[in-house]
Protein backbone atom coordinates (compact mmCIF):
# COMPACT_ATOMS: atom_id res chain seq x y z
CA MET A 1 11.59 2.08 -22.55
CA THR A 2 11.92 -0.54 -20.25
CA ILE A 3 11.35 0.45 -16.15
CA LEU A 4 12.05 -1.68 -13.41
CA TYR A 5 9.97 -0.52 -10.09
CA LEU A 6 10.92 -1.85 -6.77
CA THR A 7 8.62 -1.29 -3.92
CA TYR A 8 8.71 -3.98 -0.88
CA PHE A 9 4.61 -3.42 -0.63
CA PHE A 10 2.30 -3.34 -3.63
CA ASP A 11 -1.72 -4.33 -3.78
CA PRO A 12 -3.18 -6.27 -1.87
CA ASP A 13 -0.97 -5.46 1.32
CA LEU A 14 -2.53 -3.25 3.85
CA SER A 15 0.18 -0.71 3.86
CA ALA A 16 0.63 3.16 3.03
CA GLY A 17 3.31 1.56 0.80
CA SER A 18 1.05 -0.49 -1.21
CA PHE A 19 -1.62 2.15 -1.18
CA ARG A 20 0.73 4.90 -2.82
CA ASN A 21 3.12 2.50 -5.29
CA THR A 22 -0.17 0.67 -6.74
CA PRO A 23 -1.59 3.67 -8.17
CA PHE A 24 1.23 4.75 -8.97
CA VAL A 25 2.29 2.43 -11.33
CA ASP A 26 -1.39 2.36 -12.40
CA GLU A 27 -0.91 6.10 -13.63
CA LEU A 28 2.51 5.52 -15.12
CA ALA A 29 1.48 3.04 -17.10
CA ARG A 30 -1.48 5.16 -18.60
CA GLN A 31 0.97 7.71 -19.23
CA LEU A 32 3.34 5.24 -21.32
CA THR A 33 2.68 3.83 -24.47
CA PRO A 34 1.96 -0.09 -25.45
CA ALA A 35 5.76 -0.11 -26.55
CA ASP A 36 6.99 0.57 -23.10
CA THR A 37 7.21 -1.96 -20.13
CA ILE A 38 7.12 -1.70 -15.97
CA HIS A 39 8.61 -4.31 -14.49
CA VAL A 40 7.47 -4.47 -11.09
CA ILE A 41 8.85 -6.95 -8.49
CA THR A 42 7.15 -6.51 -4.94
CA THR A 43 6.93 -9.16 -2.14
CA GLN A 44 3.59 -11.34 -1.21
CA PRO A 45 1.28 -9.37 0.91
CA ASN A 46 3.31 -9.40 5.02
CA ARG A 47 2.80 -5.89 6.31
CA TYR A 48 0.66 -7.53 9.39
CA PRO A 49 0.90 -11.45 10.45
CA SER A 50 -2.33 -11.06 11.94
CA PHE A 51 -4.03 -10.24 8.34
CA SER A 52 -3.85 -12.97 5.94
CA MET A 53 -4.19 -12.70 2.23
CA SER A 54 -2.08 -12.95 -0.79
CA GLY A 55 -1.79 -11.99 -4.29
CA PRO A 56 -0.68 -14.08 -7.87
CA ALA A 57 2.85 -14.44 -7.80
CA GLN A 58 2.76 -13.40 -11.62
CA GLU A 59 0.23 -10.86 -12.51
CA ASP A 60 -0.28 -8.78 -15.99
CA ARG A 61 -1.66 -5.24 -15.05
CA SER A 62 -1.21 -3.88 -18.07
CA PRO A 63 -4.15 -1.39 -19.05
CA VAL A 64 -6.13 -1.55 -21.98
CA ASP A 65 -4.00 1.66 -23.20
CA GLY A 66 -0.69 2.10 -21.93
CA ALA A 67 2.37 0.55 -21.08
CA GLN A 68 2.68 -3.40 -20.42
CA VAL A 69 2.72 -4.21 -16.95
CA TRP A 70 4.41 -7.24 -15.13
CA VAL A 71 4.31 -7.78 -11.38
CA GLU A 72 6.04 -10.44 -9.50
CA ARG A 73 5.62 -11.07 -6.03
CA VAL A 74 8.28 -13.10 -3.97
CA SER A 75 7.33 -15.15 -1.07
CA VAL A 76 9.23 -14.01 2.12
CA PRO A 77 9.25 -15.29 5.64
CA ALA A 78 6.64 -13.96 7.87
CA HIS A 79 7.94 -11.63 10.45
CA GLY A 80 6.67 -10.57 13.83
CA GLY A 81 7.64 -7.00 13.67
CA GLY A 82 11.12 -7.35 15.41
CA MET A 83 14.35 -6.27 13.21
CA ALA A 84 16.26 -9.33 13.24
CA SER A 85 12.45 -10.95 11.33
CA GLN A 86 12.18 -8.03 8.81
CA ILE A 87 15.97 -8.26 8.11
CA ARG A 88 15.44 -12.16 6.83
CA SER A 89 12.35 -11.30 5.23
CA PHE A 90 14.13 -8.35 3.34
CA MET A 91 17.44 -10.19 2.45
CA THR A 92 15.11 -13.07 0.70
CA TYR A 93 13.38 -10.13 -1.29
CA PHE A 94 17.07 -8.81 -2.14
CA GLN A 95 18.14 -11.90 -3.34
CA ALA A 96 15.02 -12.87 -5.40
CA VAL A 97 15.40 -9.29 -6.99
CA HIS A 98 18.94 -9.68 -8.20
CA GLN A 99 17.98 -13.10 -9.76
CA LEU A 100 14.88 -11.87 -11.25
CA THR A 101 16.64 -8.92 -12.90
CA HIS A 102 19.68 -10.58 -14.09
CA ASP A 103 18.55 -11.54 -17.68
CA HIS A 104 16.87 -8.03 -18.18
CA GLN A 105 17.91 -5.11 -19.20
CA TYR A 106 16.34 -1.56 -18.01
CA ASP A 107 16.35 1.97 -19.10
CA ARG A 108 15.31 3.13 -15.92
CA VAL A 109 15.21 2.06 -11.98
CA MET A 110 12.53 3.03 -10.01
CA ALA A 111 12.35 2.41 -5.96
CA SER A 112 9.89 3.41 -3.13
CA SER A 113 11.59 3.21 -0.37
CA SER A 114 10.58 3.83 3.47
CA ARG A 115 13.48 1.55 5.01
CA LEU A 116 16.21 2.64 3.04
CA PHE A 117 17.41 -0.87 1.45
CA THR A 118 14.74 -0.94 -1.08
CA ALA A 119 16.35 2.21 -2.46
CA PHE A 120 19.73 0.59 -1.73
CA LEU A 121 18.94 -2.02 -3.79
CA GLY A 122 17.73 0.28 -6.78
CA ALA A 123 21.01 2.15 -6.74
CA GLN A 124 22.70 -1.28 -6.99
CA ILE A 125 20.75 -2.42 -10.06
CA ALA A 126 21.06 0.85 -11.39
CA ARG A 127 24.81 0.79 -11.40
CA ARG A 128 25.20 -2.59 -12.75
CA GLN A 129 23.13 -1.80 -15.76
CA TYR A 130 23.98 1.73 -16.05
CA SER A 131 20.25 2.91 -15.76
CA THR A 132 18.80 5.83 -14.90
CA LEU A 133 17.66 5.76 -11.14
CA SER A 134 14.64 7.38 -9.52
CA LEU A 135 14.07 7.25 -5.71
CA ASP A 136 10.28 7.62 -3.86
CA ILE A 137 11.63 8.44 -0.11
CA ARG A 138 8.87 7.72 2.29
CA ASP A 139 10.99 8.11 5.61
CA LEU A 140 14.56 9.00 6.77
CA PHE A 141 15.04 5.23 8.11
CA ARG A 142 18.96 5.87 9.18
CA GLU A 143 17.36 8.92 11.28
CA SER A 144 14.55 7.16 12.61
CA ILE A 145 15.79 4.01 13.87
CA LEU A 146 18.95 5.50 15.36
CA ASP A 147 16.20 7.70 17.54
CA VAL A 148 13.99 4.75 18.37
CA LEU A 149 16.90 2.09 19.21
CA THR A 150 17.69 2.17 22.77
CA ASN A 151 20.84 -0.24 23.00
CA ARG A 152 24.35 2.42 22.96
CA LEU A 153 26.40 -0.16 21.44
CA LEU A 154 23.96 -1.33 18.65
CA LYS A 155 23.60 2.17 17.52
CA ARG A 156 27.06 2.83 17.18
CA ILE A 157 27.43 -0.22 14.98
CA LEU A 158 24.35 0.78 12.67
CA ASP A 159 25.23 4.59 12.65
CA PRO A 160 28.44 4.18 10.28
CA VAL A 161 26.67 1.15 8.31
CA LEU A 162 23.56 3.05 7.43
CA SER A 163 25.37 6.00 6.73
CA ALA A 164 27.53 4.37 3.81
CA THR A 165 24.46 3.18 2.44
CA GLU A 166 22.55 6.35 2.52
CA ARG A 167 25.79 7.82 0.67
CA TYR A 168 25.75 5.19 -1.98
CA THR A 169 22.10 5.15 -2.71
CA PHE A 170 21.03 8.90 -2.58
CA SER A 171 24.17 9.78 -4.38
CA ARG A 172 23.44 7.97 -7.20
CA ALA A 173 19.75 9.23 -7.82
CA GLN A 174 19.17 11.57 -10.89
CA HIS A 175 15.94 12.12 -9.11
CA ILE A 176 14.22 11.75 -5.56
CA ASN A 177 10.91 12.36 -4.52
CA LEU A 178 10.52 13.45 -0.89
CA VAL A 179 6.95 12.55 0.47
CA SER A 180 7.75 15.17 3.35
CA MET A 181 9.02 18.74 2.84
CA GLY A 182 10.40 18.24 6.24
CA PHE A 183 12.99 15.56 4.53
CA ARG A 184 14.46 18.65 2.42
CA PRO A 185 17.29 19.81 4.72
CA TYR A 186 18.47 15.93 4.83
CA PHE A 187 19.20 15.85 1.60
CA LYS A 188 20.79 19.14 0.91
CA GLN A 189 24.66 17.32 0.22
CA TYR A 190 23.03 15.54 -2.38
CA THR A 191 22.61 18.38 -4.93
CA GLN A 192 23.45 15.94 -8.41
CA ALA A 193 19.71 14.97 -8.16
CA ASP A 194 16.29 16.72 -9.40
CA TYR A 195 14.09 16.70 -6.43
CA SER A 196 10.35 16.89 -6.09
CA PHE A 197 8.05 16.67 -3.35
CA PHE A 198 4.64 14.61 -3.93
CA THR A 199 2.91 13.72 -0.60
CA ASN A 200 0.81 10.93 0.33
CA GLY A 201 -2.86 11.60 -0.72
CA ILE A 202 -6.46 10.76 -0.25
CA ASP A 203 -7.49 7.44 -1.75
CA ASN A 204 -10.83 6.92 -3.73
CA GLU A 205 -12.52 4.82 -1.58
CA PHE A 206 -12.06 7.52 1.18
CA LEU A 207 -13.59 10.47 -1.21
CA ASP A 208 -16.85 8.33 -1.95
CA ALA A 209 -17.19 6.98 1.28
CA PHE A 210 -17.74 10.17 2.99
CA HIS A 211 -20.52 12.90 3.30
CA PRO A 212 -21.51 15.46 5.84
CA THR A 213 -23.28 14.37 8.79
CA PRO A 214 -24.41 15.76 11.53
CA ASP A 215 -23.78 14.91 15.33
CA SER A 216 -26.02 12.07 16.48
CA GLN A 217 -28.42 13.35 19.03
CA GLN A 218 -29.59 9.67 20.46
CA PRO A 219 -27.98 8.92 24.12
CA ASN A 220 -24.62 7.49 23.78
CA PRO A 221 -22.75 6.12 26.78
CA PHE A 222 -19.35 7.16 25.10
CA ARG A 223 -17.49 8.89 22.53
CA THR A 224 -15.40 6.82 20.47
CA ILE A 225 -11.80 7.93 19.67
CA LEU A 226 -10.18 5.85 16.80
CA TYR A 227 -6.50 5.05 15.88
CA ALA A 228 -6.32 2.91 12.90
CA GLY A 229 -2.73 1.97 11.59
CA ASN A 230 0.48 0.67 12.31
CA ILE A 231 1.56 -0.02 16.13
CA GLY A 232 5.17 0.72 16.23
CA GLU A 233 7.94 2.27 18.42
CA GLY A 234 7.24 5.51 15.64
CA GLN A 235 3.63 5.96 16.69
CA GLY A 236 4.22 5.64 20.36
CA LEU A 237 0.95 4.68 21.43
CA HIS A 238 1.68 3.16 24.30
CA THR A 239 2.93 6.40 25.78
CA ILE A 240 -0.40 8.14 25.35
CA ILE A 241 -3.21 5.90 25.26
CA PRO A 242 -3.35 4.45 28.55
CA GLN A 243 -3.06 7.14 30.30
CA ALA A 244 -5.33 9.17 28.43
CA ALA A 245 -8.11 6.66 28.63
CA ARG A 246 -8.06 6.65 32.68
CA LEU A 247 -7.98 10.37 32.70
CA LEU A 248 -10.98 10.63 30.17
CA GLY A 249 -12.58 7.45 31.97
CA THR A 250 -15.93 5.66 30.63
CA SER A 251 -17.08 8.15 29.10
CA TYR A 252 -14.99 7.91 26.42
CA ARG A 253 -13.72 4.54 24.51
CA PHE A 254 -10.82 4.24 22.38
CA VAL A 255 -10.55 1.41 19.79
CA VAL A 256 -7.02 1.04 18.13
CA ILE A 257 -7.22 -1.00 15.04
CA GLY A 258 -3.58 -2.31 13.66
CA ASP A 259 -0.87 -4.12 14.73
CA GLY A 260 3.12 -3.80 14.69
CA GLY A 261 5.81 -4.05 16.89
CA ALA A 262 4.97 -2.27 19.51
CA ARG A 263 1.82 -3.67 20.06
CA HIS A 264 2.64 -5.77 23.28
CA LYS A 265 4.29 -2.48 24.67
CA LEU A 266 0.43 -1.11 24.43
CA GLU A 267 -1.36 -4.01 26.04
CA THR A 268 1.41 -4.21 28.90
CA ALA A 269 0.96 -0.51 29.51
CA LEU A 270 -3.04 -1.08 29.43
CA ALA A 271 -2.76 -3.50 31.53
CA ALA A 272 -0.20 -1.47 33.77
CA GLU A 273 -3.15 1.06 34.00
CA GLY A 274 -6.25 -0.99 34.51
CA VAL A 275 -8.15 0.41 32.13
CA THR A 276 -11.33 -1.08 30.63
CA ASN A 277 -12.18 1.85 27.80
CA VAL A 278 -9.59 0.63 25.33
CA GLU A 279 -10.15 -1.90 22.65
CA VAL A 280 -7.22 -3.30 20.52
CA HIS A 281 -8.38 -5.27 17.29
CA PRO A 282 -6.10 -6.93 14.56
CA PRO A 283 -5.96 -5.20 10.75
CA VAL A 284 -9.08 -5.12 8.93
CA SER A 285 -9.74 -4.72 5.23
CA ARG A 286 -10.13 -0.87 3.60
CA HIS A 287 -14.00 -1.57 3.49
CA GLU A 288 -14.25 -2.56 7.13
CA LEU A 289 -11.96 0.48 8.22
CA LEU A 290 -14.37 2.90 6.32
CA ASP A 291 -17.15 1.53 8.66
CA ALA A 292 -14.93 1.68 11.93
CA TYR A 293 -14.23 5.32 10.57
CA ALA A 294 -18.17 6.07 9.89
CA GLN A 295 -18.67 5.01 13.64
CA ALA A 296 -15.95 7.01 15.39
CA ASP A 297 -16.24 10.15 16.95
CA TYR A 298 -12.74 11.26 17.06
CA LEU A 299 -9.90 10.20 14.82
CA PHE A 300 -6.42 9.87 16.18
CA VAL A 301 -2.86 10.20 15.20
CA HIS A 302 0.20 10.05 17.27
CA LEU A 303 4.31 9.98 16.40
CA ASN A 304 6.50 9.19 19.23
CA ASP A 305 8.22 12.48 20.64
CA LEU A 306 11.77 11.93 19.02
CA ASP A 307 13.07 14.30 16.59
CA ALA A 308 13.11 11.85 13.51
CA PHE A 309 9.45 12.38 13.55
CA LYS A 310 9.37 15.94 13.61
CA ARG A 311 10.36 16.00 9.75
CA VAL A 312 7.55 13.07 8.72
CA LEU A 313 4.28 13.52 7.41
CA PRO A 314 2.09 10.75 8.69
CA SER A 315 -0.09 9.40 5.49
CA LYS A 316 -2.76 8.88 8.14
CA LEU A 317 -3.70 12.44 7.83
CA PHE A 318 -4.74 12.31 4.25
CA GLU A 319 -7.45 9.63 5.28
CA TYR A 320 -8.43 11.63 8.25
CA GLY A 321 -8.82 14.39 6.63
CA ALA A 322 -11.22 13.12 3.79
CA THR A 323 -14.15 12.56 7.03
CA ASP A 324 -15.71 15.14 8.71
CA LYS A 325 -14.85 14.14 11.78
CA PRO A 326 -12.31 15.91 14.53
CA ILE A 327 -8.99 14.69 14.45
CA LEU A 328 -6.65 14.18 17.43
CA ALA A 329 -2.94 15.12 16.82
CA GLY A 330 -0.02 14.28 19.05
CA ILE A 331 2.36 15.44 16.33
CA SER A 332 5.30 18.03 16.57
CA GLY A 333 7.80 19.80 13.66
CA TYR A 334 6.46 19.52 10.10
CA ALA A 335 3.46 17.48 10.56
CA ALA A 336 2.08 20.13 12.94
CA GLN A 337 2.90 22.78 10.80
CA PHE A 338 1.18 20.83 7.78
CA VAL A 339 -2.10 20.67 10.13
CA ARG A 340 -2.17 24.58 11.19
CA SER A 341 -2.10 25.19 7.38
CA HIS A 342 -4.41 22.36 5.54
CA LEU A 343 -6.59 20.73 8.58
CA ASP A 344 -9.44 22.59 9.74
CA ASN A 345 -11.02 21.01 13.27
CA THR A 346 -7.94 19.17 14.84
CA LEU A 347 -6.76 19.43 18.03
CA LEU A 348 -3.10 19.52 18.09
CA PHE A 349 -1.23 18.26 21.32
CA ALA A 350 2.34 17.84 22.48
CA PRO A 351 3.58 13.86 21.64
CA GLY A 352 2.97 11.70 24.93
CA ASN A 353 1.10 14.81 26.71
CA ALA A 354 -2.02 12.61 27.79
CA ILE A 355 -2.76 15.57 30.26
CA ASP A 356 -2.75 18.11 27.44
CA LEU A 357 -5.15 15.62 25.11
CA VAL A 358 -7.71 15.15 27.87
CA ARG A 359 -7.73 19.04 28.50
CA LEU A 360 -8.10 19.82 24.70
CA ILE A 361 -11.13 17.06 24.38
CA ASN A 362 -12.71 18.47 27.76
CA GLN A 363 -12.59 22.45 26.77
CA THR A 364 -13.29 22.17 22.95
CA PRO A 365 -17.22 21.77 21.94
CA TYR A 366 -17.73 18.82 19.48
CA TYR A 367 -18.49 19.32 16.29
CA ARG A 368 -18.07 17.99 12.54
CA GLN A 369 -16.92 19.64 9.64
CA THR A 370 -15.90 18.72 5.91
CA ARG A 371 -12.58 20.09 4.57
CA PRO A 372 -13.61 20.45 1.06
CA ARG A 373 -10.44 22.54 0.35
CA PHE A 374 -8.25 19.75 1.64
CA VAL A 375 -10.28 17.02 -0.24
CA GLN A 376 -9.46 19.12 -3.71
CA GLN A 377 -6.10 19.53 -2.95
CA PHE A 378 -4.96 16.07 -1.80
CA GLN A 379 -6.62 13.86 -3.90
CA ARG A 380 -4.21 10.78 -4.68
CA ARG A 381 -5.28 9.98 -8.16
CA THR A 382 -4.15 14.21 -8.97
CA ILE A 383 -0.91 13.67 -7.08
CA MET A 384 0.02 10.64 -8.76
CA ALA A 385 -0.94 11.96 -12.34
CA ASP A 386 1.51 14.70 -11.51
CA MET A 387 4.30 12.85 -10.02
CA ALA A 388 4.19 10.38 -12.95
CA ARG A 389 4.26 13.36 -15.59
CA HIS A 390 7.37 14.88 -13.65
CA TRP A 391 9.36 11.44 -13.36
CA LEU A 392 9.01 10.79 -16.98
CA ASN A 393 9.55 14.47 -17.67
CA PRO A 394 12.04 15.35 -15.26
CA ILE A 395 12.74 19.17 -14.49
CA PRO A 396 16.64 19.75 -14.96
CA VAL A 397 18.66 20.17 -11.54
CA PHE A 398 18.86 23.79 -12.32
CA GLN A 399 15.43 24.24 -11.84
CA GLN A 400 14.54 22.70 -8.53
CA ALA A 401 14.37 25.92 -7.00
CA ALA A 402 10.80 26.30 -8.79
CA LEU A 403 9.39 23.20 -7.02
CA VAL A 404 9.75 25.05 -3.49
């Protein structure tokens, strides 16, 4: 079997997409044979312009026993997180993929996509080659972008375009994995596909790094609240952190590590509030990130108060859940249900409600607690192994109900 695997983010990039797709490709290769081939086409690392790195343009990633894995990384223009620059970068990838696949024949096309168009690209190539199409959908791009946009004219223009792109893409897939069960109602019209619901998971680095630790009794002038990840409209940090920092005062310190299109909004809001207990740092390597987690007292996650984000399941929850630190979660919808079911020692508050957040912190005694059941259930390597087996041996459509 020859597989084309499309993912915009892959090792060594810093993104949830990279952390998901890299181990999944490795697992697929292990479950296949040396007679099989996986052709991965991705990009040179570009998730954050403030974190520079690169990978080989061409890489043989084949395991000792398993499929041949050939990775090609496309250099795309740098972008600052804005829509126009991201479109330019993706068009470079789009054109390169068509060129790189033109003289190849694939039995199966697989695409992992958070912003729809990698999946659309996969659908185009699968149609051209009469190949089977499998999709891993990590976000509902159309719903998210239309909720975030404030320009009504632009929304009216984009809505029919994105709707048509979705129909073209999803209706051609034989198998669709949804990273969140909250996405399920959105796909009810695409009955031709076999569905699975394999979430994100906890990577080995986090499994190995954290052990039970008592709360420090040495004098410390403040508690540290850490957020590490993308700083975009979807996270809405500018709507919550500045006010919360002011209300909590200097006995608490926010540390934000990351970058994204809304970073300037966060920095502007911090200046407007006049707070001095918030630090904003650029992205760091995973090794440095583990150190930051270890030094934090609370781990913070937040999604903007928009309908689209009531369906998603933030990948950050899986990293946080591997620690013994309390989690501060400003989320709603399916993500809040997931937290209530799986994550102990989490303080849930309404998105954007700084007063609610501060009240919970002040009224809840501080303690640390490991989450062994969560760690056991959501190890990335186990999830990726199960997902690879399912993708290679899909359950017929009439058996979908057994998955949910």
